[in-house]
N, C-alpha and C. Protein backbone atom coordinates (compact mmCIF):
# COMPACT_ATOMS: atom_id res chain seq x y z
N MET A 1 26.91 -55.32 -1.47
CA MET A 1 27.91 -55.58 -0.43
C MET A 1 28.24 -54.27 0.29
N THR A 2 28.25 -54.29 1.60
CA THR A 2 28.55 -53.09 2.38
C THR A 2 30.04 -52.76 2.32
N ALA A 3 30.38 -51.55 2.76
CA ALA A 3 31.79 -51.15 2.80
C ALA A 3 32.58 -52.07 3.72
N LYS A 4 31.98 -52.45 4.83
CA LYS A 4 32.65 -53.36 5.77
C LYS A 4 32.95 -54.70 5.10
N GLU A 5 31.97 -55.23 4.40
CA GLU A 5 32.16 -56.52 3.73
C GLU A 5 33.22 -56.42 2.64
N ARG A 6 33.24 -55.30 1.91
CA ARG A 6 34.26 -55.12 0.87
C ARG A 6 35.66 -55.04 1.48
N LEU A 7 35.77 -54.36 2.61
CA LEU A 7 37.07 -54.24 3.28
C LEU A 7 37.56 -55.60 3.77
N VAL A 8 36.67 -56.37 4.35
CA VAL A 8 37.05 -57.70 4.85
C VAL A 8 37.47 -58.60 3.69
N GLU A 9 36.67 -58.60 2.63
CA GLU A 9 36.99 -59.43 1.46
C GLU A 9 38.33 -59.02 0.86
N ALA A 10 38.56 -57.73 0.72
CA ALA A 10 39.81 -57.24 0.15
C ALA A 10 41.00 -57.59 1.03
N ALA A 11 40.83 -57.42 2.33
CA ALA A 11 41.92 -57.70 3.27
C ALA A 11 42.32 -59.17 3.23
N PHE A 12 41.36 -60.06 3.30
CA PHE A 12 41.68 -61.49 3.30
C PHE A 12 42.34 -61.91 1.99
N ALA A 13 41.88 -61.33 0.89
CA ALA A 13 42.48 -61.66 -0.41
C ALA A 13 43.93 -61.19 -0.46
N LEU A 14 44.18 -59.99 0.04
CA LEU A 14 45.54 -59.45 0.03
C LEU A 14 46.46 -60.19 0.99
N PHE A 15 45.93 -60.58 2.14
CA PHE A 15 46.74 -61.33 3.09
C PHE A 15 47.18 -62.66 2.47
N ALA A 16 46.27 -63.26 1.70
CA ALA A 16 46.60 -64.54 1.05
C ALA A 16 47.64 -64.33 -0.05
N GLU A 17 47.54 -63.21 -0.75
CA GLU A 17 48.46 -62.94 -1.87
C GLU A 17 49.84 -62.48 -1.40
N ARG A 18 49.86 -61.56 -0.42
CA ARG A 18 51.11 -60.89 -0.06
C ARG A 18 51.62 -61.23 1.34
N GLY A 19 50.71 -61.71 2.18
CA GLY A 19 51.06 -61.89 3.58
C GLY A 19 50.51 -60.74 4.41
N TYR A 20 50.29 -61.00 5.68
CA TYR A 20 49.68 -59.99 6.55
C TYR A 20 50.59 -58.77 6.72
N ASP A 21 51.85 -59.01 7.07
CA ASP A 21 52.76 -57.90 7.35
C ASP A 21 53.06 -57.05 6.12
N GLN A 22 52.97 -57.65 4.94
CA GLN A 22 53.30 -56.93 3.71
C GLN A 22 52.10 -56.15 3.16
N THR A 23 50.94 -56.31 3.78
CA THR A 23 49.74 -55.62 3.31
C THR A 23 49.48 -54.39 4.18
N THR A 24 49.28 -53.25 3.55
CA THR A 24 49.01 -52.01 4.29
C THR A 24 47.52 -51.68 4.25
N ILE A 25 47.14 -50.75 5.11
CA ILE A 25 45.75 -50.29 5.10
C ILE A 25 45.42 -49.63 3.77
N ASP A 26 46.38 -48.91 3.21
CA ASP A 26 46.15 -48.29 1.90
C ASP A 26 45.90 -49.35 0.83
N ASP A 27 46.62 -50.46 0.91
CA ASP A 27 46.39 -51.56 -0.04
C ASP A 27 44.96 -52.07 0.07
N ILE A 28 44.50 -52.21 1.31
CA ILE A 28 43.16 -52.75 1.54
C ILE A 28 42.09 -51.80 1.03
N THR A 29 42.23 -50.53 1.35
CA THR A 29 41.21 -49.56 0.92
C THR A 29 41.19 -49.41 -0.60
N GLU A 30 42.37 -49.47 -1.21
CA GLU A 30 42.42 -49.38 -2.68
C GLU A 30 41.73 -50.57 -3.31
N ARG A 31 42.00 -51.77 -2.79
CA ARG A 31 41.37 -52.98 -3.35
C ARG A 31 39.85 -52.95 -3.11
N ALA A 32 39.44 -52.43 -1.96
CA ALA A 32 38.01 -52.40 -1.63
C ALA A 32 37.28 -51.25 -2.30
N GLY A 33 38.04 -50.27 -2.81
CA GLY A 33 37.40 -49.14 -3.47
C GLY A 33 36.78 -48.14 -2.51
N VAL A 34 37.38 -48.00 -1.32
CA VAL A 34 36.90 -47.03 -0.34
C VAL A 34 38.10 -46.21 0.16
N GLY A 35 37.82 -45.13 0.89
CA GLY A 35 38.88 -44.29 1.40
C GLY A 35 39.34 -44.70 2.79
N ARG A 36 40.45 -44.11 3.24
CA ARG A 36 40.97 -44.40 4.58
C ARG A 36 39.98 -43.99 5.66
N THR A 37 39.25 -42.90 5.41
CA THR A 37 38.27 -42.46 6.40
C THR A 37 37.22 -43.53 6.64
N THR A 38 36.77 -44.15 5.55
CA THR A 38 35.79 -45.24 5.68
C THR A 38 36.38 -46.40 6.46
N PHE A 39 37.64 -46.71 6.18
CA PHE A 39 38.29 -47.81 6.91
C PHE A 39 38.27 -47.54 8.41
N PHE A 40 38.70 -46.35 8.81
CA PHE A 40 38.82 -46.07 10.24
C PHE A 40 37.48 -45.76 10.91
N ARG A 41 36.45 -45.53 10.11
CA ARG A 41 35.11 -45.47 10.68
C ARG A 41 34.61 -46.87 10.99
N THR A 42 35.16 -47.85 10.30
CA THR A 42 34.71 -49.24 10.43
C THR A 42 35.59 -50.05 11.37
N PHE A 43 36.90 -49.85 11.28
CA PHE A 43 37.86 -50.62 12.08
C PHE A 43 38.86 -49.67 12.74
N ARG A 44 39.34 -50.08 13.91
CA ARG A 44 40.32 -49.26 14.61
C ARG A 44 41.73 -49.49 14.10
N ALA A 45 42.01 -50.73 13.64
CA ALA A 45 43.36 -51.08 13.20
C ALA A 45 43.27 -52.21 12.19
N LYS A 46 44.40 -52.50 11.56
CA LYS A 46 44.42 -53.53 10.52
C LYS A 46 44.01 -54.90 11.07
N GLU A 47 44.45 -55.23 12.29
CA GLU A 47 44.12 -56.56 12.83
C GLU A 47 42.64 -56.74 13.10
N ASP A 48 41.91 -55.62 13.27
CA ASP A 48 40.47 -55.73 13.51
C ASP A 48 39.72 -56.25 12.29
N VAL A 49 40.30 -56.12 11.11
CA VAL A 49 39.66 -56.64 9.90
C VAL A 49 39.57 -58.16 9.97
N ILE A 50 40.49 -58.78 10.69
CA ILE A 50 40.49 -60.24 10.81
C ILE A 50 39.36 -60.72 11.71
N PHE A 51 38.94 -59.88 12.64
CA PHE A 51 37.88 -60.24 13.59
C PHE A 51 36.75 -59.21 13.50
N PRO A 52 36.10 -59.11 12.35
CA PRO A 52 35.17 -58.00 12.12
C PRO A 52 33.89 -58.06 12.94
N ASP A 53 33.52 -59.23 13.43
CA ASP A 53 32.22 -59.37 14.11
C ASP A 53 32.35 -59.69 15.59
N HIS A 54 33.54 -59.48 16.15
CA HIS A 54 33.76 -59.84 17.55
C HIS A 54 32.83 -59.09 18.49
N GLU A 55 32.74 -57.78 18.33
CA GLU A 55 31.89 -56.97 19.21
C GLU A 55 30.42 -57.34 19.05
N VAL A 56 30.02 -57.62 17.83
CA VAL A 56 28.62 -58.00 17.57
C VAL A 56 28.29 -59.31 18.29
N LEU A 57 29.22 -60.26 18.25
CA LEU A 57 29.01 -61.54 18.92
C LEU A 57 28.94 -61.36 20.43
N LEU A 58 29.81 -60.54 20.98
CA LEU A 58 29.77 -60.28 22.42
C LEU A 58 28.41 -59.72 22.83
N GLN A 59 27.91 -58.78 22.05
CA GLN A 59 26.61 -58.18 22.36
C GLN A 59 25.48 -59.20 22.25
N ALA A 60 25.58 -60.09 21.25
CA ALA A 60 24.54 -61.12 21.08
C ALA A 60 24.55 -62.08 22.26
N ILE A 61 25.73 -62.47 22.71
CA ILE A 61 25.83 -63.37 23.87
C ILE A 61 25.28 -62.68 25.11
N GLU A 62 25.67 -61.44 25.30
CA GLU A 62 25.21 -60.69 26.48
C GLU A 62 23.68 -60.59 26.49
N ALA A 63 23.09 -60.35 25.33
CA ALA A 63 21.63 -60.26 25.24
C ALA A 63 20.98 -61.60 25.57
N ARG A 64 21.58 -62.70 25.09
CA ARG A 64 21.02 -64.03 25.39
C ARG A 64 21.10 -64.33 26.87
N LEU A 65 22.20 -64.00 27.49
CA LEU A 65 22.35 -64.24 28.92
C LEU A 65 21.38 -63.38 29.72
N ALA A 66 21.22 -62.14 29.30
CA ALA A 66 20.33 -61.22 30.01
C ALA A 66 18.88 -61.68 29.95
N GLY A 67 18.52 -62.43 28.92
CA GLY A 67 17.15 -62.90 28.76
C GLY A 67 16.84 -64.19 29.49
N SER A 68 17.79 -64.69 30.26
CA SER A 68 17.59 -65.97 30.94
C SER A 68 17.03 -65.77 32.35
N THR A 69 16.58 -66.86 32.93
CA THR A 69 16.13 -66.86 34.33
C THR A 69 17.08 -67.73 35.13
N GLU A 70 16.85 -67.80 36.42
CA GLU A 70 17.70 -68.64 37.26
C GLU A 70 17.68 -70.09 36.80
N ARG A 71 16.51 -70.55 36.37
CA ARG A 71 16.36 -71.95 35.95
C ARG A 71 16.95 -72.21 34.56
N THR A 72 17.03 -71.18 33.74
CA THR A 72 17.51 -71.38 32.36
C THR A 72 18.91 -70.80 32.14
N ALA A 73 19.61 -70.48 33.22
CA ALA A 73 20.92 -69.82 33.10
C ALA A 73 21.92 -70.67 32.34
N LEU A 74 22.01 -71.95 32.68
CA LEU A 74 23.00 -72.81 32.02
C LEU A 74 22.64 -73.06 30.56
N LEU A 75 21.35 -73.12 30.27
CA LEU A 75 20.92 -73.24 28.88
C LEU A 75 21.34 -71.99 28.10
N ALA A 76 21.21 -70.83 28.74
CA ALA A 76 21.60 -69.58 28.09
C ALA A 76 23.10 -69.55 27.80
N VAL A 77 23.90 -70.08 28.72
CA VAL A 77 25.34 -70.15 28.50
C VAL A 77 25.65 -71.02 27.29
N THR A 78 24.98 -72.17 27.23
CA THR A 78 25.18 -73.08 26.10
C THR A 78 24.76 -72.43 24.78
N GLU A 79 23.60 -71.80 24.78
CA GLU A 79 23.10 -71.19 23.55
C GLU A 79 23.93 -69.96 23.16
N GLY A 80 24.40 -69.22 24.16
CA GLY A 80 25.26 -68.08 23.86
C GLY A 80 26.56 -68.51 23.22
N THR A 81 27.13 -69.59 23.74
CA THR A 81 28.36 -70.13 23.18
C THR A 81 28.12 -70.67 21.77
N ARG A 82 26.96 -71.27 21.57
CA ARG A 82 26.62 -71.82 20.26
C ARG A 82 26.55 -70.71 19.19
N LEU A 83 26.18 -69.51 19.59
CA LEU A 83 26.13 -68.39 18.64
C LEU A 83 27.50 -68.18 17.99
N VAL A 84 28.55 -68.29 18.79
CA VAL A 84 29.90 -68.09 18.26
C VAL A 84 30.27 -69.22 17.30
N LEU A 85 30.00 -70.45 17.72
CA LEU A 85 30.31 -71.59 16.86
C LEU A 85 29.60 -71.47 15.52
N ARG A 86 28.32 -71.18 15.55
CA ARG A 86 27.55 -71.09 14.30
C ARG A 86 28.03 -69.95 13.42
N HIS A 87 28.50 -68.89 14.03
CA HIS A 87 29.05 -67.79 13.24
C HIS A 87 30.26 -68.26 12.44
N TYR A 88 31.16 -68.98 13.10
CA TYR A 88 32.34 -69.49 12.41
C TYR A 88 31.96 -70.52 11.35
N LEU A 89 31.02 -71.38 11.66
CA LEU A 89 30.60 -72.38 10.68
C LEU A 89 30.01 -71.71 9.44
N ALA A 90 29.25 -70.64 9.64
CA ALA A 90 28.66 -69.92 8.52
C ALA A 90 29.72 -69.23 7.66
N GLU A 91 30.84 -68.84 8.29
CA GLU A 91 31.91 -68.20 7.53
C GLU A 91 32.63 -69.17 6.61
N GLY A 92 32.65 -70.44 6.97
CA GLY A 92 33.29 -71.44 6.13
C GLY A 92 34.77 -71.22 5.94
N GLU A 93 35.20 -71.09 4.69
CA GLU A 93 36.63 -70.97 4.38
C GLU A 93 37.25 -69.70 4.95
N LEU A 94 36.45 -68.67 5.12
CA LEU A 94 36.97 -67.44 5.72
C LEU A 94 37.47 -67.72 7.14
N ALA A 95 36.72 -68.53 7.88
CA ALA A 95 37.12 -68.88 9.24
C ALA A 95 38.41 -69.70 9.23
N ARG A 96 38.54 -70.59 8.25
CA ARG A 96 39.76 -71.40 8.16
C ARG A 96 40.97 -70.55 7.78
N THR A 97 40.75 -69.57 6.92
CA THR A 97 41.84 -68.65 6.57
C THR A 97 42.28 -67.86 7.79
N ARG A 98 41.31 -67.38 8.57
CA ARG A 98 41.64 -66.66 9.80
C ARG A 98 42.45 -67.54 10.75
N TYR A 99 42.05 -68.79 10.85
CA TYR A 99 42.75 -69.72 11.74
C TYR A 99 44.22 -69.85 11.34
N GLN A 100 44.47 -69.97 10.05
CA GLN A 100 45.85 -70.08 9.57
C GLN A 100 46.63 -68.79 9.84
N LEU A 101 45.98 -67.65 9.66
CA LEU A 101 46.65 -66.38 9.91
C LEU A 101 47.00 -66.21 11.39
N THR A 102 46.08 -66.55 12.27
CA THR A 102 46.35 -66.38 13.70
C THR A 102 47.44 -67.33 14.19
N ARG A 103 47.63 -68.43 13.49
CA ARG A 103 48.70 -69.36 13.87
C ARG A 103 50.07 -68.86 13.44
N SER A 104 50.10 -68.02 12.42
CA SER A 104 51.39 -67.61 11.84
C SER A 104 51.78 -66.16 12.13
N VAL A 105 50.82 -65.35 12.57
CA VAL A 105 51.10 -63.92 12.82
C VAL A 105 50.91 -63.63 14.31
N PRO A 106 51.99 -63.36 15.05
CA PRO A 106 51.89 -63.17 16.51
C PRO A 106 50.89 -62.10 16.94
N VAL A 107 50.83 -60.97 16.24
CA VAL A 107 49.92 -59.91 16.65
C VAL A 107 48.46 -60.35 16.54
N LEU A 108 48.18 -61.20 15.56
CA LEU A 108 46.81 -61.72 15.41
C LEU A 108 46.51 -62.76 16.47
N ARG A 109 47.51 -63.54 16.82
CA ARG A 109 47.33 -64.52 17.90
C ARG A 109 47.04 -63.80 19.21
N ASP A 110 47.76 -62.71 19.47
CA ASP A 110 47.51 -61.93 20.68
C ASP A 110 46.10 -61.34 20.67
N ARG A 111 45.68 -60.89 19.50
CA ARG A 111 44.33 -60.31 19.37
C ARG A 111 43.28 -61.38 19.61
N GLU A 112 43.52 -62.58 19.13
CA GLU A 112 42.58 -63.68 19.34
C GLU A 112 42.49 -64.03 20.81
N ILE A 113 43.62 -64.11 21.49
CA ILE A 113 43.64 -64.43 22.92
C ILE A 113 42.88 -63.36 23.71
N SER A 114 43.07 -62.11 23.34
CA SER A 114 42.34 -61.03 24.00
C SER A 114 40.83 -61.19 23.82
N GLY A 115 40.42 -61.60 22.63
CA GLY A 115 39.00 -61.82 22.37
C GLY A 115 38.45 -62.96 23.20
N LEU A 116 39.21 -64.04 23.33
CA LEU A 116 38.78 -65.18 24.14
C LEU A 116 38.64 -64.78 25.60
N GLN A 117 39.53 -63.94 26.07
CA GLN A 117 39.45 -63.47 27.45
C GLN A 117 38.20 -62.64 27.68
N GLN A 118 37.77 -61.90 26.67
CA GLN A 118 36.54 -61.12 26.79
C GLN A 118 35.33 -62.04 26.90
N TYR A 119 35.30 -63.10 26.10
CA TYR A 119 34.21 -64.08 26.21
C TYR A 119 34.20 -64.69 27.61
N GLN A 120 35.38 -65.06 28.08
CA GLN A 120 35.46 -65.72 29.38
C GLN A 120 35.02 -64.79 30.50
N ARG A 121 35.41 -63.52 30.44
CA ARG A 121 34.98 -62.56 31.47
C ARG A 121 33.47 -62.39 31.46
N LEU A 122 32.88 -62.37 30.27
CA LEU A 122 31.43 -62.23 30.17
C LEU A 122 30.73 -63.40 30.83
N PHE A 123 31.16 -64.61 30.52
CA PHE A 123 30.55 -65.80 31.13
C PHE A 123 30.83 -65.86 32.63
N ARG A 124 32.04 -65.50 33.03
CA ARG A 124 32.40 -65.54 34.45
C ARG A 124 31.50 -64.62 35.27
N GLY A 125 31.32 -63.39 34.79
CA GLY A 125 30.48 -62.45 35.51
C GLY A 125 29.04 -62.94 35.62
N PHE A 126 28.52 -63.47 34.52
CA PHE A 126 27.15 -63.98 34.52
C PHE A 126 27.01 -65.16 35.48
N LEU A 127 27.93 -66.12 35.39
CA LEU A 127 27.85 -67.31 36.24
C LEU A 127 28.05 -66.96 37.71
N HIS A 128 28.92 -66.02 37.98
CA HIS A 128 29.15 -65.61 39.37
C HIS A 128 27.88 -65.01 39.97
N ARG A 129 27.20 -64.17 39.20
CA ARG A 129 25.94 -63.61 39.68
C ARG A 129 24.90 -64.70 39.87
N TRP A 130 24.86 -65.65 38.93
CA TRP A 130 23.90 -66.75 39.02
C TRP A 130 24.16 -67.61 40.25
N MET A 131 25.41 -67.76 40.62
CA MET A 131 25.78 -68.56 41.79
C MET A 131 25.63 -67.80 43.11
N GLY A 132 25.20 -66.55 43.04
CA GLY A 132 24.97 -65.80 44.26
C GLY A 132 25.89 -64.62 44.45
N GLY A 133 26.98 -64.58 43.70
CA GLY A 133 27.87 -63.43 43.76
C GLY A 133 28.79 -63.36 44.96
N GLY A 134 28.83 -64.40 45.76
CA GLY A 134 29.69 -64.38 46.94
C GLY A 134 31.13 -64.75 46.63
N GLU A 135 32.01 -64.45 47.59
CA GLU A 135 33.42 -64.78 47.41
C GLU A 135 33.64 -66.29 47.29
N ASP A 136 32.77 -67.06 47.95
CA ASP A 136 32.93 -68.51 47.94
C ASP A 136 32.60 -69.14 46.58
N THR A 137 31.96 -68.38 45.69
CA THR A 137 31.62 -68.92 44.37
C THR A 137 32.45 -68.31 43.25
N ALA A 138 33.34 -67.38 43.59
CA ALA A 138 34.12 -66.69 42.56
C ALA A 138 35.01 -67.66 41.78
N LEU A 139 35.69 -68.55 42.50
CA LEU A 139 36.57 -69.51 41.83
C LEU A 139 35.77 -70.47 40.97
N ARG A 140 34.64 -70.93 41.49
CA ARG A 140 33.80 -71.87 40.74
C ARG A 140 33.32 -71.23 39.43
N ALA A 141 32.92 -69.97 39.50
CA ALA A 141 32.47 -69.26 38.29
C ALA A 141 33.62 -69.10 37.30
N GLU A 142 34.81 -68.79 37.81
CA GLU A 142 35.99 -68.65 36.95
C GLU A 142 36.31 -69.95 36.25
N LEU A 143 36.28 -71.04 37.00
CA LEU A 143 36.60 -72.35 36.43
C LEU A 143 35.56 -72.77 35.38
N MET A 144 34.29 -72.52 35.68
CA MET A 144 33.25 -72.93 34.75
C MET A 144 33.31 -72.10 33.47
N ALA A 145 33.54 -70.80 33.60
CA ALA A 145 33.65 -69.95 32.41
C ALA A 145 34.82 -70.40 31.54
N GLY A 146 35.94 -70.73 32.18
CA GLY A 146 37.09 -71.23 31.43
C GLY A 146 36.79 -72.53 30.73
N ALA A 147 36.05 -73.41 31.41
CA ALA A 147 35.70 -74.70 30.82
C ALA A 147 34.76 -74.54 29.63
N VAL A 148 33.83 -73.60 29.72
CA VAL A 148 32.89 -73.34 28.61
C VAL A 148 33.65 -72.89 27.37
N VAL A 149 34.56 -71.94 27.55
CA VAL A 149 35.35 -71.43 26.41
C VAL A 149 36.24 -72.52 25.85
N THR A 150 36.84 -73.32 26.74
CA THR A 150 37.72 -74.40 26.29
C THR A 150 36.94 -75.45 25.50
N ALA A 151 35.75 -75.81 25.97
CA ALA A 151 34.93 -76.80 25.26
C ALA A 151 34.57 -76.30 23.86
N HIS A 152 34.17 -75.04 23.78
CA HIS A 152 33.84 -74.45 22.47
C HIS A 152 35.05 -74.48 21.55
N ASN A 153 36.20 -74.05 22.07
CA ASN A 153 37.40 -73.97 21.24
C ASN A 153 37.87 -75.35 20.78
N HIS A 154 37.68 -76.34 21.63
CA HIS A 154 38.06 -77.71 21.25
C HIS A 154 37.27 -78.17 20.03
N VAL A 155 35.97 -77.95 20.06
CA VAL A 155 35.11 -78.35 18.94
C VAL A 155 35.43 -77.51 17.70
N LEU A 156 35.58 -76.21 17.89
CA LEU A 156 35.84 -75.32 16.76
C LEU A 156 37.16 -75.67 16.08
N ARG A 157 38.21 -75.91 16.87
CA ARG A 157 39.51 -76.24 16.27
C ARG A 157 39.44 -77.55 15.49
N ARG A 158 38.70 -78.52 15.99
CA ARG A 158 38.56 -79.78 15.26
C ARG A 158 37.92 -79.54 13.90
N TRP A 159 36.91 -78.66 13.87
CA TRP A 159 36.26 -78.36 12.59
C TRP A 159 37.20 -77.58 11.68
N LEU A 160 37.91 -76.60 12.22
CA LEU A 160 38.83 -75.80 11.43
C LEU A 160 39.93 -76.66 10.81
N ARG A 161 40.32 -77.71 11.51
CA ARG A 161 41.37 -78.60 11.01
C ARG A 161 40.83 -79.71 10.12
N GLY A 162 39.52 -79.68 9.87
CA GLY A 162 38.92 -80.69 9.00
C GLY A 162 38.74 -82.04 9.66
N ARG A 163 38.66 -82.07 10.99
CA ARG A 163 38.55 -83.33 11.71
C ARG A 163 37.15 -83.60 12.26
N SER A 164 36.22 -82.72 11.96
CA SER A 164 34.86 -82.88 12.46
C SER A 164 33.86 -82.72 11.33
N SER A 165 33.04 -83.74 11.13
CA SER A 165 32.00 -83.67 10.11
C SER A 165 30.67 -83.21 10.69
N ASP A 166 30.56 -83.19 12.02
CA ASP A 166 29.32 -82.79 12.67
C ASP A 166 29.64 -81.96 13.91
N PRO A 167 30.14 -80.74 13.74
CA PRO A 167 30.53 -79.93 14.89
C PRO A 167 29.38 -79.58 15.82
N GLU A 168 28.17 -79.47 15.29
CA GLU A 168 27.02 -79.17 16.16
C GLU A 168 26.80 -80.30 17.16
N ARG A 169 26.87 -81.53 16.69
CA ARG A 169 26.69 -82.67 17.59
C ARG A 169 27.83 -82.73 18.61
N GLU A 170 29.05 -82.50 18.15
CA GLU A 170 30.19 -82.51 19.06
C GLU A 170 30.08 -81.39 20.09
N PHE A 171 29.56 -80.26 19.66
CA PHE A 171 29.38 -79.15 20.59
C PHE A 171 28.37 -79.51 21.68
N ASP A 172 27.25 -80.12 21.29
CA ASP A 172 26.25 -80.53 22.27
C ASP A 172 26.86 -81.46 23.31
N ALA A 173 27.65 -82.43 22.85
CA ALA A 173 28.28 -83.38 23.76
C ALA A 173 29.30 -82.69 24.66
N ALA A 174 30.08 -81.79 24.09
CA ALA A 174 31.11 -81.09 24.86
C ALA A 174 30.48 -80.20 25.94
N MET A 175 29.42 -79.50 25.60
CA MET A 175 28.78 -78.62 26.57
C MET A 175 28.05 -79.41 27.65
N ALA A 176 27.45 -80.53 27.26
CA ALA A 176 26.79 -81.37 28.25
C ALA A 176 27.80 -81.88 29.28
N GLU A 177 28.96 -82.28 28.79
CA GLU A 177 30.00 -82.77 29.69
C GLU A 177 30.52 -81.64 30.58
N THR A 178 30.66 -80.46 30.02
CA THR A 178 31.15 -79.32 30.79
C THR A 178 30.17 -78.95 31.89
N VAL A 179 28.89 -78.84 31.55
CA VAL A 179 27.88 -78.49 32.54
C VAL A 179 27.82 -79.55 33.64
N ALA A 180 27.95 -80.82 33.25
CA ALA A 180 27.88 -81.91 34.23
C ALA A 180 29.01 -81.82 35.25
N LEU A 181 30.14 -81.27 34.85
CA LEU A 181 31.27 -81.14 35.78
C LEU A 181 30.98 -80.18 36.92
N PHE A 182 30.06 -79.24 36.68
CA PHE A 182 29.83 -78.19 37.66
C PHE A 182 28.42 -78.20 38.25
N THR A 183 27.66 -79.22 37.97
CA THR A 183 26.33 -79.34 38.55
C THR A 183 26.21 -80.66 39.28
N ARG A 184 25.40 -80.66 40.30
CA ARG A 184 25.21 -81.87 41.10
C ARG A 184 23.76 -82.33 40.96
N PRO A 185 23.52 -83.61 40.78
CA PRO A 185 22.14 -84.09 40.73
C PRO A 185 21.46 -83.90 42.07
N GLU A 186 20.17 -83.58 42.02
CA GLU A 186 19.43 -83.41 43.26
C GLU A 186 19.32 -84.73 43.99
N ASP A 187 19.48 -84.65 45.30
CA ASP A 187 19.43 -85.84 46.14
C ASP A 187 18.00 -86.05 46.60
N ASP A 188 17.39 -87.16 46.20
CA ASP A 188 15.99 -87.42 46.55
C ASP A 188 15.85 -87.99 47.95
N GLY A 189 16.91 -88.38 48.56
CA GLY A 189 16.83 -88.97 49.89
C GLY A 189 18.17 -88.90 50.57
N GLU A 190 18.22 -89.38 51.78
CA GLU A 190 19.46 -89.35 52.52
C GLU A 190 20.38 -90.45 52.03
N ALA A 191 21.65 -90.15 52.03
CA ALA A 191 22.63 -91.14 51.63
C ALA A 191 23.41 -91.58 52.86
N SER A 192 23.79 -92.83 52.90
CA SER A 192 24.56 -93.36 54.01
C SER A 192 25.84 -93.96 53.48
N ILE A 193 26.91 -93.73 54.22
CA ILE A 193 28.19 -94.33 53.89
C ILE A 193 28.55 -95.31 54.99
N VAL A 194 28.78 -96.54 54.63
CA VAL A 194 29.09 -97.58 55.60
C VAL A 194 30.54 -98.00 55.41
N VAL A 195 31.29 -97.97 56.48
CA VAL A 195 32.68 -98.39 56.45
C VAL A 195 32.83 -99.60 57.37
N PHE A 196 33.41 -100.67 56.86
CA PHE A 196 33.60 -101.85 57.70
C PHE A 196 34.88 -102.56 57.29
N ARG A 197 35.37 -103.39 58.22
CA ARG A 197 36.56 -104.19 57.95
C ARG A 197 36.15 -105.65 57.93
N THR A 198 36.73 -106.39 57.01
CA THR A 198 36.44 -107.81 56.93
C THR A 198 37.61 -108.53 56.28
N THR A 199 37.76 -109.79 56.63
CA THR A 199 38.79 -110.62 56.00
C THR A 199 38.17 -111.53 54.95
N LYS A 200 36.86 -111.44 54.77
CA LYS A 200 36.17 -112.30 53.81
C LYS A 200 36.39 -111.80 52.39
N ASP A 201 36.23 -112.70 51.45
CA ASP A 201 36.33 -112.35 50.04
C ASP A 201 35.15 -111.46 49.64
N LEU A 202 35.40 -110.48 48.73
CA LEU A 202 34.35 -109.54 48.32
C LEU A 202 33.13 -110.25 47.75
N ALA A 203 33.35 -111.30 46.97
CA ALA A 203 32.23 -112.03 46.38
C ALA A 203 31.35 -112.68 47.44
N THR A 204 31.91 -112.95 48.60
CA THR A 204 31.14 -113.54 49.69
C THR A 204 30.37 -112.47 50.45
N VAL A 205 30.99 -111.29 50.57
CA VAL A 205 30.39 -110.21 51.34
C VAL A 205 29.23 -109.54 50.61
N LEU A 206 29.36 -109.34 49.30
CA LEU A 206 28.36 -108.57 48.56
C LEU A 206 26.95 -109.15 48.60
N PRO A 207 26.76 -110.45 48.47
CA PRO A 207 25.39 -110.97 48.56
C PRO A 207 24.72 -110.63 49.89
N GLU A 208 25.48 -110.64 50.96
CA GLU A 208 24.91 -110.30 52.25
C GLU A 208 24.56 -108.82 52.32
N LEU A 209 25.43 -107.99 51.74
CA LEU A 209 25.12 -106.56 51.68
C LEU A 209 23.87 -106.30 50.84
N ASN A 210 23.74 -107.03 49.76
CA ASN A 210 22.53 -106.91 48.92
C ASN A 210 21.28 -107.18 49.74
N ARG A 211 21.35 -108.22 50.55
CA ARG A 211 20.18 -108.61 51.34
C ARG A 211 19.87 -107.56 52.39
N VAL A 212 20.90 -107.04 53.04
CA VAL A 212 20.70 -106.09 54.13
C VAL A 212 20.29 -104.71 53.61
N LEU A 213 20.98 -104.23 52.58
CA LEU A 213 20.74 -102.88 52.09
C LEU A 213 19.62 -102.82 51.06
N GLY A 214 19.39 -103.94 50.36
CA GLY A 214 18.32 -103.97 49.37
C GLY A 214 18.56 -103.03 48.21
N GLU A 215 19.82 -102.82 47.83
CA GLU A 215 20.13 -101.87 46.77
C GLU A 215 20.69 -102.55 45.54
N GLY A 216 20.63 -103.88 45.52
CA GLY A 216 21.02 -104.57 44.30
C GLY A 216 22.49 -104.46 43.97
N LEU A 217 23.37 -104.35 44.96
CA LEU A 217 24.79 -104.28 44.68
C LEU A 217 25.25 -105.58 44.06
N SER A 218 26.20 -105.52 43.17
CA SER A 218 26.72 -106.73 42.55
C SER A 218 28.18 -106.52 42.22
N PRO A 219 28.99 -107.57 42.25
CA PRO A 219 30.39 -107.41 41.90
C PRO A 219 30.53 -107.04 40.43
N ALA A 220 31.27 -105.98 40.15
CA ALA A 220 31.41 -105.50 38.77
C ALA A 220 32.68 -106.05 38.16
């Protein structure tokens, strides 16, 4: 086990035993069997022990996005987001313990929000460039990045609360719905909109429209 892993394990155990605010860095280093110098070479502050892999995940997402093409950009966003979900799933109970801590300790909640904003900025910048980088696409990129993070968090929270037995499947569905909100199907032909006024009953009018337009309209 690395020094980082020992520090994380010791910190989570102490937080469970004593509470976050009652646990000091000295307590953590003593339990982990390392010195303060090792702690500060690994983490900047006590709250960073709760999110030990945040920077690594950001770098992994950035690398996945950088390896995409114009045609595979949205797939890269989905797969980059999936990296975060799978990381939490692999953590298991550690992730659930973190969830409980962030709900009860304000400084950890603030740290979590800051991390989410970093993910969103990363996706926003990538999507904005993919959309052309113009001012007219800035809002669209912002909205889509926010929707991607929200979809991920929705699925993750359901799993953390024990309400999802198949988070991977739920994630696929959530991301498909999110992408669909911001993409338009290609139009294979011209579309026409017909506006007319009539006093006839709809059931009487539709058969005639079917015959004229040949599009198989039917009363639903």
